[in-house]
Amino acid sequence: MTPTRELFAGIDVGGTTTQVVLVDEQLRTVGHASTRTPALEGGDAIVGAASALIDGLLAHEQDTRPLTGIGMGTAGVVDTENGRVSVVSDSFAGWAGFDIRGTLEARYDAPTTVANDVNAFLAGEMIAGAGRGSQNALGITLGTGVGGALWLDGRLFGGAHGATGEIGHTPGFGSLPCTCGERGHLETLAAGRSISALYRSATGSSRTPAELSALAADGDAVATHIFQAAGEGVARAILIATALLDIETVVIGGGVSNAWPLLYPAIIGHLEAEPPVRGSAPAIVRGTLGDSAVAQGAAALSFAVERARP
């Protein structure tokens, strides 16, 4: 029987959780599942966990349809030409250098696209989310760390080594030590773990970013100051990107963006007080794809690549 629709799988491989979504040719989500990432068990185990999710979702389809394409977003510096991760943190074992594309294509006989997770996030938001209609954008994810990606002239811009957009490790944001070993990076102000660490250093109390957001909303002066500093730091990073690339849109996601009522006024306030040289700030929008943004973005990226084939 001829399939009635196309299906694309999007995979988000995080250090803790792996998510998979199935989307149709209209980029509508038709299935979603997640599991623990066996991050320290090697590439075969990591891809195997994702494949088990795909197989489970396909089994629930009313008729069997081969996948049209697969997209994966994963942490690390990604060699998109060869479908492998070049560099990744020690949260993963046996992942750098593993043949992700070849393994998935052999299993599903479907063309596979592998991208950095923040690139996948931004692709999804530009194709099917908050950034639709914009041709030049900066994506920023505020999570455990701070990630970045660029969308220029209507497509992802990877750069010479696949490391474009690492705005979280831009210097000039104070003197606090960063997890990478350097000092004064944006991540020391705006990452979730940094926000918690700053509050703990000031008060001796350990709180999650979500708890600190609630405290700030209730008037806690220390928590309010920390989110203000995080927002202003993000704004300064936006100014740098805008000066260099004349971007029109900034899409912000990640768990820390749940504190949007605190972050957005700080970002906008700084940009209004110190606008880019062109005289106007880019549009600042929060991502709309939610917690599954990377998986949905990976599926959307696979969709876009497939549609671009001659």
C-alpha atoms as a PDB file:
ATOM      1  CA  MET A   1       0.000   0.000   0.000  1.00  0.00           C
ATOM      2  CA  THR A   2       1.293   3.469  -0.873  1.00  0.00           C
ATOM      3  CA  PRO A   3       1.947   5.554   2.248  1.00  0.00           C
ATOM      4  CA  THR A   4      -0.605   8.313   2.758  1.00  0.00           C
ATOM      5  CA  ARG A   5       1.933  10.707   4.223  1.00  0.00           C
ATOM      6  CA  GLU A   6       5.628  11.190   4.776  1.00  0.00           C
ATOM      7  CA  LEU A   7       7.209  10.849   8.201  1.00  0.00           C
ATOM      8  CA  PHE A   8      10.369  12.479   9.505  1.00  0.00           C
ATOM      9  CA  ALA A   9      12.052  11.550  12.800  1.00  0.00           C
ATOM     10  CA  GLY A  10      13.728  14.191  14.953  1.00  0.00           C
ATOM     11  CA  ILE A  11      16.136  13.143  17.696  1.00  0.00           C
ATOM     12  CA  ASP A  12      17.460  15.220  20.584  1.00  0.00           C
ATOM     13  CA  VAL A  13      20.439  13.580  22.313  1.00  0.00           C
ATOM     14  CA  GLY A  14      21.061  15.370  25.589  1.00  0.00           C
ATOM     15  CA  GLY A  15      23.441  14.419  28.347  1.00  0.00           C
ATOM     16  CA  THR A  16      20.548  13.196  30.490  1.00  0.00           C
ATOM     17  CA  THR A  17      17.556  12.612  28.213  1.00  0.00           C
ATOM     18  CA  THR A  18      17.010  11.528  24.617  1.00  0.00           C
ATOM     19  CA  GLN A  19      13.794  12.639  22.920  1.00  0.00           C
ATOM     20  CA  VAL A  20      12.311  11.603  19.591  1.00  0.00           C
ATOM     21  CA  VAL A  21       9.453  13.173  17.655  1.00  0.00           C
ATOM     22  CA  LEU A  22       7.771  12.002  14.478  1.00  0.00           C
ATOM     23  CA  VAL A  23       6.400  14.737  12.225  1.00  0.00           C
ATOM     24  CA  ASP A  24       4.486  14.569   8.971  1.00  0.00           C
ATOM     25  CA  GLU A  25       5.038  16.514   5.756  1.00  0.00           C
ATOM     26  CA  GLN A  26       3.193  19.479   7.301  1.00  0.00           C
ATOM     27  CA  LEU A  27       5.656  19.400  10.253  1.00  0.00           C
ATOM     28  CA  ARG A  28       2.823  18.380  12.556  1.00  0.00           C
ATOM     29  CA  THR A  29       3.941  16.210  15.471  1.00  0.00           C
ATOM     30  CA  VAL A  30       2.345  12.762  15.289  1.00  0.00           C
ATOM     31  CA  GLY A  31       4.403  11.047  17.993  1.00  0.00           C
ATOM     32  CA  HIS A  32       6.734  11.866  20.881  1.00  0.00           C
ATOM     33  CA  ALA A  33       8.759   9.724  23.287  1.00  0.00           C
ATOM     34  CA  SER A  34      11.771  10.065  25.575  1.00  0.00           C
ATOM     35  CA  THR A  35      14.203   7.939  27.548  1.00  0.00           C
ATOM     36  CA  ARG A  36      17.402   8.176  29.579  1.00  0.00           C
ATOM     37  CA  THR A  37      20.503   8.816  27.477  1.00  0.00           C
ATOM     38  CA  PRO A  38      23.118   6.081  28.019  1.00  0.00           C
ATOM     39  CA  ALA A  39      25.731   8.801  27.590  1.00  0.00           C
ATOM     40  CA  LEU A  40      28.619   6.863  29.116  1.00  0.00           C
ATOM     41  CA  GLU A  41      27.916   3.596  27.287  1.00  0.00           C
ATOM     42  CA  GLY A  42      29.175   4.584  23.842  1.00  0.00           C
ATOM     43  CA  GLY A  43      27.792   5.483  20.444  1.00  0.00           C
ATOM     44  CA  ASP A  44      26.053   2.174  19.747  1.00  0.00           C
ATOM     45  CA  ALA A  45      24.104   2.435  22.992  1.00  0.00           C
ATOM     46  CA  ILE A  46      23.185   6.089  22.427  1.00  0.00           C
ATOM     47  CA  VAL A  47      21.917   5.500  18.884  1.00  0.00           C
ATOM     48  CA  GLY A  48      20.273   2.277  20.043  1.00  0.00           C
ATOM     49  CA  ALA A  49      18.261   4.148  22.672  1.00  0.00           C
ATOM     50  CA  ALA A  50      17.073   6.647  20.061  1.00  0.00           C
ATOM     51  CA  SER A  51      16.266   3.853  17.611  1.00  0.00           C
ATOM     52  CA  ALA A  52      14.175   2.034  20.209  1.00  0.00           C
ATOM     53  CA  LEU A  53      12.086   5.193  20.606  1.00  0.00           C
ATOM     54  CA  ILE A  54      11.664   5.527  16.835  1.00  0.00           C
ATOM     55  CA  ASP A  55      10.645   1.877  16.520  1.00  0.00           C
ATOM     56  CA  GLY A  56       8.109   2.236  19.318  1.00  0.00           C
ATOM     57  CA  LEU A  57       6.545   5.297  17.712  1.00  0.00           C
ATOM     58  CA  LEU A  58       6.411   3.683  14.268  1.00  0.00           C
ATOM     59  CA  ALA A  59       4.740   0.620  15.770  1.00  0.00           C
ATOM     60  CA  HIS A  60       1.807   2.810  16.812  1.00  0.00           C
ATOM     61  CA  GLU A  61       1.218   4.035  13.267  1.00  0.00           C
ATOM     62  CA  GLN A  62      -1.896   2.575  11.610  1.00  0.00           C
ATOM     63  CA  ASP A  63       0.063   1.403   8.587  1.00  0.00           C
ATOM     64  CA  THR A  64       3.768   0.889   8.144  1.00  0.00           C
ATOM     65  CA  ARG A  65       5.541   3.779   6.448  1.00  0.00           C
ATOM     66  CA  PRO A  66       9.294   4.025   5.866  1.00  0.00           C
ATOM     67  CA  LEU A  67      10.839   7.191   7.218  1.00  0.00           C
ATOM     68  CA  THR A  68      11.470   9.894   4.618  1.00  0.00           C
ATOM     69  CA  GLY A  69      14.277  11.427   6.662  1.00  0.00           C
ATOM     70  CA  ILE A  70      15.935  11.558  10.077  1.00  0.00           C
ATOM     71  CA  GLY A  71      17.445  14.542  11.858  1.00  0.00           C
ATOM     72  CA  MET A  72      19.497  14.528  15.039  1.00  0.00           C
ATOM     73  CA  GLY A  73      20.483  17.398  17.291  1.00  0.00           C
ATOM     74  CA  THR A  74      23.239  16.598  19.745  1.00  0.00           C
ATOM     75  CA  ALA A  75      25.546  18.353  22.148  1.00  0.00           C
ATOM     76  CA  GLY A  76      29.071  19.036  20.917  1.00  0.00           C
ATOM     77  CA  VAL A  77      30.832  20.377  17.856  1.00  0.00           C
ATOM     78  CA  VAL A  78      29.334  18.523  14.893  1.00  0.00           C
ATOM     79  CA  ASP A  79      30.982  17.635  11.593  1.00  0.00           C
ATOM     80  CA  THR A  80      27.830  17.991   9.498  1.00  0.00           C
ATOM     81  CA  GLU A  81      29.546  16.816   6.308  1.00  0.00           C
ATOM     82  CA  ASN A  82      30.371  13.419   7.795  1.00  0.00           C
ATOM     83  CA  GLY A  83      27.512  13.097  10.287  1.00  0.00           C
ATOM     84  CA  ARG A  84      29.720  12.748  13.356  1.00  0.00           C
ATOM     85  CA  VAL A  85      30.430  14.666  16.547  1.00  0.00           C
ATOM     86  CA  SER A  86      33.958  16.084  16.476  1.00  0.00           C
ATOM     87  CA  VAL A  87      34.249  17.328  20.058  1.00  0.00           C
ATOM     88  CA  VAL A  88      31.983  16.747  23.052  1.00  0.00           C
ATOM     89  CA  SER A  89      32.220  17.141  26.823  1.00  0.00           C
ATOM     90  CA  ASP A  90      33.188  14.360  29.197  1.00  0.00           C
ATOM     91  CA  SER A  91      29.492  13.840  29.913  1.00  0.00           C
ATOM     92  CA  PHE A  92      29.644  11.470  26.918  1.00  0.00           C
ATOM     93  CA  ALA A  93      31.868   8.467  26.249  1.00  0.00           C
ATOM     94  CA  GLY A  94      32.473   6.972  22.811  1.00  0.00           C
ATOM     95  CA  TRP A  95      30.367   9.654  21.099  1.00  0.00           C
ATOM     96  CA  ALA A  96      33.030  11.824  19.463  1.00  0.00           C
ATOM     97  CA  GLY A  97      33.933  10.225  16.141  1.00  0.00           C
ATOM     98  CA  PHE A  98      31.062   7.734  16.166  1.00  0.00           C
ATOM     99  CA  ASP A  99      29.431   7.254  12.735  1.00  0.00           C
ATOM    100  CA  ILE A 100      25.964   8.549  13.634  1.00  0.00           C
ATOM    101  CA  ARG A 101      24.760   9.107  10.090  1.00  0.00           C
ATOM    102  CA  GLY A 102      26.005   5.787   8.751  1.00  0.00           C
ATOM    103  CA  THR A 103      24.505   3.824  11.635  1.00  0.00           C
ATOM    104  CA  LEU A 104      21.049   5.401  11.340  1.00  0.00           C
ATOM    105  CA  GLU A 105      20.993   5.257   7.538  1.00  0.00           C
ATOM    106  CA  ALA A 106      21.908   1.567   7.597  1.00  0.00           C
ATOM    107  CA  ARG A 107      19.111   0.857  10.058  1.00  0.00           C
ATOM    108  CA  TYR A 108      16.317   2.894   8.446  1.00  0.00           C
ATOM    109  CA  ASP A 109      17.436   3.420   4.836  1.00  0.00           C
ATOM    110  CA  ALA A 110      16.582   7.102   5.284  1.00  0.00           C
ATOM    111  CA  PRO A 111      18.839  10.125   4.677  1.00  0.00           C
ATOM    112  CA  THR A 112      20.083  11.440   8.007  1.00  0.00           C
ATOM    113  CA  THR A 113      21.142  14.946   9.005  1.00  0.00           C
ATOM    114  CA  VAL A 114      23.240  15.513  12.145  1.00  0.00           C
ATOM    115  CA  ALA A 115      23.510  18.976  13.710  1.00  0.00           C
ATOM    116  CA  ASN A 116      24.570  20.653  16.903  1.00  0.00           C
ATOM    117  CA  ASP A 117      21.623  20.788  19.294  1.00  0.00           C
ATOM    118  CA  VAL A 118      21.413  24.596  19.358  1.00  0.00           C
ATOM    119  CA  ASN A 119      21.557  24.669  15.555  1.00  0.00           C
ATOM    120  CA  ALA A 120      18.656  22.218  15.531  1.00  0.00           C
ATOM    121  CA  PHE A 121      16.761  24.395  18.005  1.00  0.00           C
ATOM    122  CA  LEU A 122      17.210  27.460  15.822  1.00  0.00           C
ATOM    123  CA  ALA A 123      16.350  25.610  12.604  1.00  0.00           C
ATOM    124  CA  GLY A 124      13.088  24.458  14.132  1.00  0.00           C
ATOM    125  CA  GLU A 125      12.182  27.919  15.345  1.00  0.00           C
ATOM    126  CA  MET A 126      13.013  29.464  11.956  1.00  0.00           C
ATOM    127  CA  ILE A 127      11.159  26.853   9.924  1.00  0.00           C
ATOM    128  CA  ALA A 128       8.152  26.195  12.160  1.00  0.00           C
ATOM    129  CA  GLY A 129       8.353  28.406  15.234  1.00  0.00           C
ATOM    130  CA  ALA A 130       8.975  31.910  16.533  1.00  0.00           C
ATOM    131  CA  GLY A 131      11.444  32.938  13.819  1.00  0.00           C
ATOM    132  CA  ARG A 132       9.342  32.204  10.739  1.00  0.00           C
ATOM    133  CA  GLY A 133       9.627  34.950   8.142  1.00  0.00           C
ATOM    134  CA  SER A 134      13.049  36.154   9.282  1.00  0.00           C
ATOM    135  CA  GLN A 135      16.109  35.642   7.086  1.00  0.00           C
ATOM    136  CA  ASN A 136      18.877  36.559   9.563  1.00  0.00           C
ATOM    137  CA  ALA A 137      18.713  35.483  13.173  1.00  0.00           C
ATOM    138  CA  LEU A 138      20.687  34.614  16.259  1.00  0.00           C
ATOM    139  CA  GLY A 139      19.525  31.721  18.429  1.00  0.00           C
ATOM    140  CA  ILE A 140      20.460  31.612  22.111  1.00  0.00           C
ATOM    141  CA  THR A 141      19.679  28.771  24.502  1.00  0.00           C
ATOM    142  CA  LEU A 142      19.889  29.468  28.213  1.00  0.00           C
ATOM    143  CA  GLY A 143      20.061  26.100  29.912  1.00  0.00           C
ATOM    144  CA  THR A 144      22.689  24.356  32.005  1.00  0.00           C
ATOM    145  CA  GLY A 145      25.088  26.284  29.775  1.00  0.00           C
ATOM    146  CA  VAL A 146      24.609  29.001  27.154  1.00  0.00           C
ATOM    147  CA  GLY A 147      24.535  27.994  23.498  1.00  0.00           C
ATOM    148  CA  GLY A 148      24.208  29.918  20.271  1.00  0.00           C
ATOM    149  CA  ALA A 149      23.503  29.443  16.570  1.00  0.00           C
ATOM    150  CA  LEU A 150      23.226  31.603  13.465  1.00  0.00           C
ATOM    151  CA  TRP A 151      20.677  31.646  10.644  1.00  0.00           C
ATOM    152  CA  LEU A 152      21.932  33.827   7.795  1.00  0.00           C
ATOM    153  CA  ASP A 153      20.298  34.481   4.429  1.00  0.00           C
ATOM    154  CA  GLY A 154      17.627  31.903   5.172  1.00  0.00           C
ATOM    155  CA  ARG A 155      19.826  28.991   6.255  1.00  0.00           C
ATOM    156  CA  LEU A 156      21.970  27.737   9.115  1.00  0.00           C
ATOM    157  CA  PHE A 157      25.508  29.053   9.077  1.00  0.00           C
ATOM    158  CA  GLY A 158      27.958  26.462  10.384  1.00  0.00           C
ATOM    159  CA  GLY A 159      31.286  28.221   9.887  1.00  0.00           C
ATOM    160  CA  ALA A 160      34.642  26.706   9.030  1.00  0.00           C
ATOM    161  CA  HIS A 161      34.705  24.157  11.858  1.00  0.00           C
ATOM    162  CA  GLY A 162      31.058  23.701  12.814  1.00  0.00           C
ATOM    163  CA  ALA A 163      31.493  25.840  15.925  1.00  0.00           C
ATOM    164  CA  THR A 164      29.659  29.003  14.852  1.00  0.00           C
ATOM    165  CA  GLY A 165      27.472  30.690  17.457  1.00  0.00           C
ATOM    166  CA  GLU A 166      29.283  29.651  20.649  1.00  0.00           C
ATOM    167  CA  ILE A 167      28.224  32.936  22.195  1.00  0.00           C
ATOM    168  CA  GLY A 168      28.170  31.499  25.700  1.00  0.00           C
ATOM    169  CA  HIS A 169      31.952  31.461  25.659  1.00  0.00           C
ATOM    170  CA  THR A 170      32.387  35.036  24.498  1.00  0.00           C
ATOM    171  CA  PRO A 171      34.654  36.949  26.928  1.00  0.00           C
ATOM    172  CA  GLY A 172      34.040  40.407  28.352  1.00  0.00           C
ATOM    173  CA  PHE A 173      31.339  39.613  30.917  1.00  0.00           C
ATOM    174  CA  GLY A 174      33.211  40.072  34.182  1.00  0.00           C
ATOM    175  CA  SER A 175      35.883  37.929  35.782  1.00  0.00           C
ATOM    176  CA  LEU A 176      34.090  34.885  37.193  1.00  0.00           C
ATOM    177  CA  PRO A 177      35.569  31.475  36.283  1.00  0.00           C
ATOM    178  CA  CYS A 178      33.776  29.610  33.502  1.00  0.00           C
ATOM    179  CA  THR A 179      33.300  25.843  33.262  1.00  0.00           C
ATOM    180  CA  CYS A 180      35.595  25.830  30.203  1.00  0.00           C
ATOM    181  CA  GLY A 181      38.516  27.026  32.360  1.00  0.00           C
ATOM    182  CA  GLU A 182      38.525  30.635  31.179  1.00  0.00           C
ATOM    183  CA  ARG A 183      37.039  33.684  32.908  1.00  0.00           C
ATOM    184  CA  GLY A 184      34.387  36.280  32.216  1.00  0.00           C
ATOM    185  CA  HIS A 185      32.323  34.399  29.642  1.00  0.00           C
ATOM    186  CA  LEU A 186      28.604  35.076  29.144  1.00  0.00           C
ATOM    187  CA  GLU A 187      27.898  31.627  30.570  1.00  0.00           C
ATOM    188  CA  THR A 188      29.097  32.807  33.995  1.00  0.00           C
ATOM    189  CA  LEU A 189      26.105  35.172  34.157  1.00  0.00           C
ATOM    190  CA  ALA A 190      23.291  33.579  32.165  1.00  0.00           C
ATOM    191  CA  ALA A 191      23.578  29.791  32.442  1.00  0.00           C
ATOM    192  CA  GLY A 192      21.273  27.989  34.828  1.00  0.00           C
ATOM    193  CA  ARG A 193      24.079  26.553  36.918  1.00  0.00           C
ATOM    194  CA  SER A 194      25.728  29.976  37.107  1.00  0.00           C
ATOM    195  CA  ILE A 195      22.505  31.647  38.258  1.00  0.00           C
ATOM    196  CA  SER A 196      22.202  29.073  41.044  1.00  0.00           C
ATOM    197  CA  ALA A 197      25.874  29.414  41.958  1.00  0.00           C
ATOM    198  CA  LEU A 198      25.669  33.208  42.158  1.00  0.00           C
ATOM    199  CA  TYR A 199      22.698  33.018  44.534  1.00  0.00           C
ATOM    200  CA  ARG A 200      24.412  30.390  46.670  1.00  0.00           C
ATOM    201  CA  SER A 201      27.563  32.510  46.865  1.00  0.00           C
ATOM    202  CA  ALA A 202      25.562  35.562  47.962  1.00  0.00           C
ATOM    203  CA  THR A 203      23.183  33.890  50.420  1.00  0.00           C
ATOM    204  CA  GLY A 204      24.485  30.421  51.253  1.00  0.00           C
ATOM    205  CA  SER A 205      21.193  28.962  50.017  1.00  0.00           C
ATOM    206  CA  SER A 206      20.999  26.453  47.172  1.00  0.00           C
ATOM    207  CA  ARG A 207      18.129  27.105  44.753  1.00  0.00           C
ATOM    208  CA  THR A 208      17.252  26.022  41.226  1.00  0.00           C
ATOM    209  CA  PRO A 209      16.763  28.682  38.545  1.00  0.00           C
ATOM    210  CA  ALA A 210      13.026  27.986  38.630  1.00  0.00           C
ATOM    211  CA  GLU A 211      12.947  28.546  42.392  1.00  0.00           C
ATOM    212  CA  LEU A 212      14.969  31.730  42.002  1.00  0.00           C
ATOM    213  CA  SER A 213      12.581  32.993  39.352  1.00  0.00           C
ATOM    214  CA  ALA A 214       9.721  32.542  41.801  1.00  0.00           C
ATOM    215  CA  LEU A 215      11.705  34.267  44.563  1.00  0.00           C
ATOM    216  CA  ALA A 216      12.469  37.211  42.275  1.00  0.00           C
ATOM    217  CA  ALA A 217       8.801  37.493  41.356  1.00  0.00           C
ATOM    218  CA  ASP A 218       8.069  37.706  45.089  1.00  0.00           C
ATOM    219  CA  GLY A 219      10.568  40.532  45.525  1.00  0.00           C
ATOM    220  CA  ASP A 220      13.793  38.763  46.565  1.00  0.00           C
ATOM    221  CA  ALA A 221      16.411  41.457  45.883  1.00  0.00           C
ATOM    222  CA  VAL A 222      19.345  39.072  45.317  1.00  0.00           C
ATOM    223  CA  ALA A 223      17.459  36.854  42.876  1.00  0.00           C
ATOM    224  CA  THR A 224      16.148  39.924  41.059  1.00  0.00           C
ATOM    225  CA  HIS A 225      19.655  41.343  40.699  1.00  0.00           C
ATOM    226  CA  ILE A 226      20.991  38.037  39.337  1.00  0.00           C
ATOM    227  CA  PHE A 227      18.327  37.810  36.630  1.00  0.00           C
ATOM    228  CA  GLN A 228      18.844  41.490  35.806  1.00  0.00           C
ATOM    229  CA  ALA A 229      22.563  40.845  35.314  1.00  0.00           C
ATOM    230  CA  ALA A 230      21.810  37.754  33.204  1.00  0.00           C
ATOM    231  CA  GLY A 231      19.463  39.717  30.948  1.00  0.00           C
ATOM    232  CA  GLU A 232      21.914  42.579  30.555  1.00  0.00           C
ATOM    233  CA  GLY A 233      24.666  40.097  29.709  1.00  0.00           C
ATOM    234  CA  VAL A 234      22.498  38.531  27.001  1.00  0.00           C
ATOM    235  CA  ALA A 235      21.749  42.020  25.666  1.00  0.00           C
ATOM    236  CA  ARG A 236      25.459  42.827  25.388  1.00  0.00           C
ATOM    237  CA  ALA A 237      25.993  39.593  23.462  1.00  0.00           C
ATOM    238  CA  ILE A 238      23.123  40.553  21.152  1.00  0.00           C
ATOM    239  CA  LEU A 239      24.763  43.934  20.551  1.00  0.00           C
ATOM    240  CA  ILE A 240      27.988  42.211  19.493  1.00  0.00           C
ATOM    241  CA  ALA A 241      26.163  39.886  17.095  1.00  0.00           C
ATOM    242  CA  THR A 242      24.064  42.710  15.663  1.00  0.00           C
ATOM    243  CA  ALA A 243      27.096  44.901  15.061  1.00  0.00           C
ATOM    244  CA  LEU A 244      28.882  42.108  13.213  1.00  0.00           C
ATOM    245  CA  LEU A 245      26.007  40.519  11.305  1.00  0.00           C
ATOM    246  CA  ASP A 246      23.099  43.000  11.204  1.00  0.00           C
ATOM    247  CA  ILE A 247      20.679  40.325  12.419  1.00  0.00           C
ATOM    248  CA  GLU A 248      16.963  41.095  12.501  1.00  0.00           C
ATOM    249  CA  THR A 249      15.699  38.529  15.034  1.00  0.00           C
ATOM    250  CA  VAL A 250      16.950  36.877  18.222  1.00  0.00           C
ATOM    251  CA  VAL A 251      15.209  33.674  19.307  1.00  0.00           C
ATOM    252  CA  ILE A 252      15.812  32.670  22.929  1.00  0.00           C
ATOM    253  CA  GLY A 253      15.050  29.249  24.410  1.00  0.00           C
ATOM    254  CA  GLY A 254      16.220  26.827  27.078  1.00  0.00           C
ATOM    255  CA  GLY A 255      15.012  26.249  30.620  1.00  0.00           C
ATOM    256  CA  VAL A 256      16.202  29.594  31.982  1.00  0.00           C
ATOM    257  CA  SER A 257      13.991  31.357  29.425  1.00  0.00           C
ATOM    258  CA  ASN A 258      11.044  30.267  31.589  1.00  0.00           C
ATOM    259  CA  ALA A 259      12.006  33.346  33.626  1.00  0.00           C
ATOM    260  CA  TRP A 260      10.988  35.470  30.607  1.00  0.00           C
ATOM    261  CA  PRO A 261       9.112  38.104  32.676  1.00  0.00           C
ATOM    262  CA  LEU A 262      12.438  38.818  34.410  1.00  0.00           C
ATOM    263  CA  LEU A 263      14.852  38.403  31.501  1.00  0.00           C
ATOM    264  CA  TYR A 264      12.978  40.179  28.719  1.00  0.00           C
ATOM    265  CA  PRO A 265      12.663  43.585  30.448  1.00  0.00           C
ATOM    266  CA  ALA A 266      16.366  43.461  31.347  1.00  0.00           C
ATOM    267  CA  ILE A 267      17.334  42.622  27.758  1.00  0.00           C
ATOM    268  CA  ILE A 268      15.088  45.242  26.188  1.00  0.00           C
ATOM    269  CA  GLY A 269      16.003  47.883  28.761  1.00  0.00           C
ATOM    270  CA  HIS A 270      19.697  47.496  27.996  1.00  0.00           C
ATOM    271  CA  LEU A 271      19.133  47.532  24.227  1.00  0.00           C
ATOM    272  CA  GLU A 272      17.022  50.695  24.481  1.00  0.00           C
ATOM    273  CA  ALA A 273      19.634  52.407  26.646  1.00  0.00           C
ATOM    274  CA  GLU A 274      22.475  51.326  24.344  1.00  0.00           C
ATOM    275  CA  PRO A 275      21.022  50.564  20.886  1.00  0.00           C
ATOM    276  CA  PRO A 276      23.060  48.978  18.081  1.00  0.00           C
ATOM    277  CA  VAL A 277      24.953  51.324  15.799  1.00  0.00           C
ATOM    278  CA  ARG A 278      22.286  50.900  13.130  1.00  0.00           C
ATOM    279  CA  GLY A 279      19.858  52.647  15.508  1.00  0.00           C
ATOM    280  CA  SER A 280      17.361  49.876  16.185  1.00  0.00           C
ATOM    281  CA  ALA A 281      17.465  46.621  18.098  1.00  0.00           C
ATOM    282  CA  PRO A 282      16.561  43.267  16.547  1.00  0.00           C
ATOM    283  CA  ALA A 283      13.249  41.656  17.466  1.00  0.00           C
ATOM    284  CA  ILE A 284      13.668  39.625  20.663  1.00  0.00           C
ATOM    285  CA  VAL A 285      11.357  36.602  20.786  1.00  0.00           C
ATOM    286  CA  ARG A 286      11.034  33.564  22.978  1.00  0.00           C
ATOM    287  CA  GLY A 287      11.027  30.181  21.239  1.00  0.00           C
ATOM    288  CA  THR A 288       7.614  28.586  20.835  1.00  0.00           C
ATOM    289  CA  LEU A 289       8.515  24.914  20.375  1.00  0.00           C
ATOM    290  CA  GLY A 290       9.030  24.235  24.087  1.00  0.00           C
ATOM    291  CA  ASP A 291      10.966  21.377  25.659  1.00  0.00           C
ATOM    292  CA  SER A 292      10.935  19.345  22.446  1.00  0.00           C
ATOM    293  CA  ALA A 293      12.416  22.232  20.413  1.00  0.00           C
ATOM    294  CA  VAL A 294      15.676  20.420  19.550  1.00  0.00           C
ATOM    295  CA  ALA A 295      13.925  17.223  18.437  1.00  0.00           C
ATOM    296  CA  GLN A 296      11.331  19.171  16.455  1.00  0.00           C
ATOM    297  CA  GLY A 297      14.067  21.331  14.986  1.00  0.00           C
ATOM    298  CA  ALA A 298      16.077  18.275  13.956  1.00  0.00           C
ATOM    299  CA  ALA A 299      13.010  16.878  12.200  1.00  0.00           C
ATOM    300  CA  ALA A 300      12.362  20.235  10.518  1.00  0.00           C
ATOM    301  CA  LEU A 301      15.997  20.403   9.404  1.00  0.00           C
ATOM    302  CA  SER A 302      15.713  16.921   7.896  1.00  0.00           C
ATOM    303  CA  PHE A 303      12.520  18.031   6.164  1.00  0.00           C
ATOM    304  CA  ALA A 304      14.219  21.141   4.751  1.00  0.00           C
ATOM    305  CA  VAL A 305      17.244  19.179   3.534  1.00  0.00           C
ATOM    306  CA  GLU A 306      15.026  16.615   1.833  1.00  0.00           C
ATOM    307  CA  ARG A 307      12.920  19.282   0.158  1.00  0.00           C
ATOM    308  CA  ALA A 308      16.065  21.000  -1.123  1.00  0.00           C
ATOM    309  CA  ARG A 309      17.279  17.874  -2.929  1.00  0.00           C
ATOM    310  CA  PRO A 310      17.251  18.245  -6.745  1.00  0.00           C
END
